[in-house]
C-alpha atoms as a PDB file:
ATOM      1  CA  UNK A   1      26.055-122.180  29.990  1.00  0.00           C
ATOM      2  CA  UNK A   2      28.693-120.763  32.134  1.00  0.00           C
ATOM      3  CA  UNK A   3      30.158-122.077  35.258  1.00  0.00           C
ATOM      4  CA  UNK A   4      28.809-119.743  37.584  1.00  0.00           C
ATOM      5  CA  UNK A   5      25.576-120.394  36.238  1.00  0.00           C
ATOM      6  CA  UNK A   6      25.322-123.719  37.130  1.00  0.00           C
ATOM      7  CA  UNK A   7      27.342-123.106  40.432  1.00  0.00           C
ATOM      8  CA  UNK A   8      23.866-121.090  41.129  1.00  0.00           C
ATOM      9  CA  UNK A   9      21.459-123.552  39.909  1.00  0.00           C
ATOM     10  CA  UNK A  10      23.531-125.999  41.619  1.00  0.00           C
ATOM     11  CA  UNK A  11      23.270-123.871  44.971  1.00  0.00           C
ATOM     12  CA  UNK A  12      19.421-123.494  44.551  1.00  0.00           C
ATOM     13  CA  UNK A  13      19.316-127.295  43.854  1.00  0.00           C
ATOM     14  CA  UNK A  14      21.222-127.900  47.288  1.00  0.00           C
ATOM     15  CA  UNK A  15      19.174-125.284  49.239  1.00  0.00           C
ATOM     16  CA  UNK A  16      16.151-127.029  48.203  1.00  0.00           C
ATOM     17  CA  UNK A  17      17.385-130.509  49.100  1.00  0.00           C
ATOM     18  CA  UNK A  18      18.279-129.318  52.688  1.00  0.00           C
ATOM     19  CA  UNK A  19      14.610-127.912  53.374  1.00  0.00           C
ATOM     20  CA  UNK A  20      13.025-130.962  51.977  1.00  0.00           C
ATOM     21  CA  UNK A  21      14.885-133.400  54.543  1.00  0.00           C
ATOM     22  CA  UNK A  22      15.166-130.911  57.456  1.00  0.00           C
ATOM     23  CA  UNK A  23      11.075-131.130  56.760  1.00  0.00           C
ATOM     24  CA  UNK A  24      10.553-134.461  56.232  1.00  0.00           C
ATOM     25  CA  UNK A  25      12.949-135.216  59.149  1.00  0.00           C
ATOM     26  CA  UNK A  26      10.702-132.810  61.685  1.00  0.00           C
ATOM     27  CA  UNK A  27       7.679-134.205  60.395  1.00  0.00           C
ATOM     28  CA  UNK A  28       8.569-137.901  60.939  1.00  0.00           C
ATOM     29  CA  UNK A  29       9.613-136.469  64.351  1.00  0.00           C
ATOM     30  CA  UNK A  30       6.357-135.237  65.116  1.00  0.00           C
ATOM     31  CA  UNK A  31       4.413-137.624  63.625  1.00  0.00           C
ATOM     32  CA  UNK A  32       6.509-140.546  66.198  1.00  0.00           C
ATOM     33  CA  UNK A  33       6.286-138.490  68.742  1.00  0.00           C
ATOM     34  CA  UNK A  34       2.584-137.507  69.078  1.00  0.00           C
ATOM     35  CA  UNK A  35       2.106-141.710  68.363  1.00  0.00           C
ATOM     36  CA  UNK A  36       4.102-142.061  71.479  1.00  0.00           C
ATOM     37  CA  UNK A  37       2.053-139.540  73.628  1.00  0.00           C
ATOM     38  CA  UNK A  38      -1.167-141.126  72.573  1.00  0.00           C
ATOM     39  CA  UNK A  39       0.290-144.799  73.572  1.00  0.00           C
ATOM     40  CA  UNK A  40       1.997-143.466  76.561  1.00  0.00           C
ATOM     41  CA  UNK A  41       0.291-140.235  78.090  1.00  0.00           C
ATOM     42  CA  UNK A  42       2.163-140.164  81.437  1.00  0.00           C
ATOM     43  CA  UNK A  43       5.283-139.932  79.242  1.00  0.00           C
ATOM     44  CA  UNK A  44       4.070-136.615  76.706  1.00  0.00           C
ATOM     45  CA  UNK A  45       6.035-134.404  78.716  1.00  0.00           C
ATOM     46  CA  UNK A  46       9.530-136.328  78.220  1.00  0.00           C
ATOM     47  CA  UNK A  47       8.716-137.228  74.545  1.00  0.00           C
ATOM     48  CA  UNK A  48       8.142-133.683  73.786  1.00  0.00           C
ATOM     49  CA  UNK A  49      11.422-132.510  75.270  1.00  0.00           C
ATOM     50  CA  UNK A  50      13.346-135.073  73.573  1.00  0.00           C
ATOM     51  CA  UNK A  51      11.082-133.743  70.233  1.00  0.00           C
ATOM     52  CA  UNK A  52      12.009-130.315  70.310  1.00  0.00           C
ATOM     53  CA  UNK A  53      15.614-131.071  71.230  1.00  0.00           C
ATOM     54  CA  UNK A  54      15.464-132.917  68.541  1.00  0.00           C
ATOM     55  CA  UNK A  55      14.042-130.527  65.893  1.00  0.00           C
ATOM     56  CA  UNK A  56      16.351-127.963  66.793  1.00  0.00           C
ATOM     57  CA  UNK A  57      19.021-130.030  66.110  1.00  0.00           C
ATOM     58  CA  UNK A  58      17.590-130.920  62.884  1.00  0.00           C
ATOM     59  CA  UNK A  59      17.045-127.086  62.114  1.00  0.00           C
ATOM     60  CA  UNK A  60      20.847-126.173  63.005  1.00  0.00           C
ATOM     61  CA  UNK A  61      21.941-128.462  60.026  1.00  0.00           C
ATOM     62  CA  UNK A  62      19.196-127.353  57.651  1.00  0.00           C
ATOM     63  CA  UNK A  63      20.360-123.932  58.427  1.00  0.00           C
ATOM     64  CA  UNK A  64      24.205-124.362  58.210  1.00  0.00           C
ATOM     65  CA  UNK A  65      23.533-126.795  54.762  1.00  0.00           C
ATOM     66  CA  UNK A  66      21.848-123.647  53.137  1.00  0.00           C
ATOM     67  CA  UNK A  67      24.446-121.301  54.276  1.00  0.00           C
ATOM     68  CA  UNK A  68      27.248-123.711  52.901  1.00  0.00           C
ATOM     69  CA  UNK A  69      24.676-123.581  49.538  1.00  0.00           C
ATOM     70  CA  UNK A  70      24.752-119.717  49.425  1.00  0.00           C
ATOM     71  CA  UNK A  71      28.339-119.226  50.081  1.00  0.00           C
ATOM     72  CA  UNK A  72      29.071-121.633  47.225  1.00  0.00           C
ATOM     73  CA  UNK A  73      26.888-119.558  45.190  1.00  0.00           C
ATOM     74  CA  UNK A  74      28.412-116.176  45.910  1.00  0.00           C
ATOM     75  CA  UNK A  75      31.411-117.901  46.005  1.00  0.00           C
END
């Protein structure tokens, strides 16, 4: 195989790992936020805000990782 083909395969694999990692992290945050809201309903608003901010930061990192993988594939 040529080096370019391996770079494309590695970039695709890396983008997939970034997506899986982000999905796992967001799922874990959402599950723990639901558990926290169930245990303390008065704090549901604060928990929801913290969850949304955390999910947005994870999505930003995932998007950055995917862009880096795609740029490496094009290079």
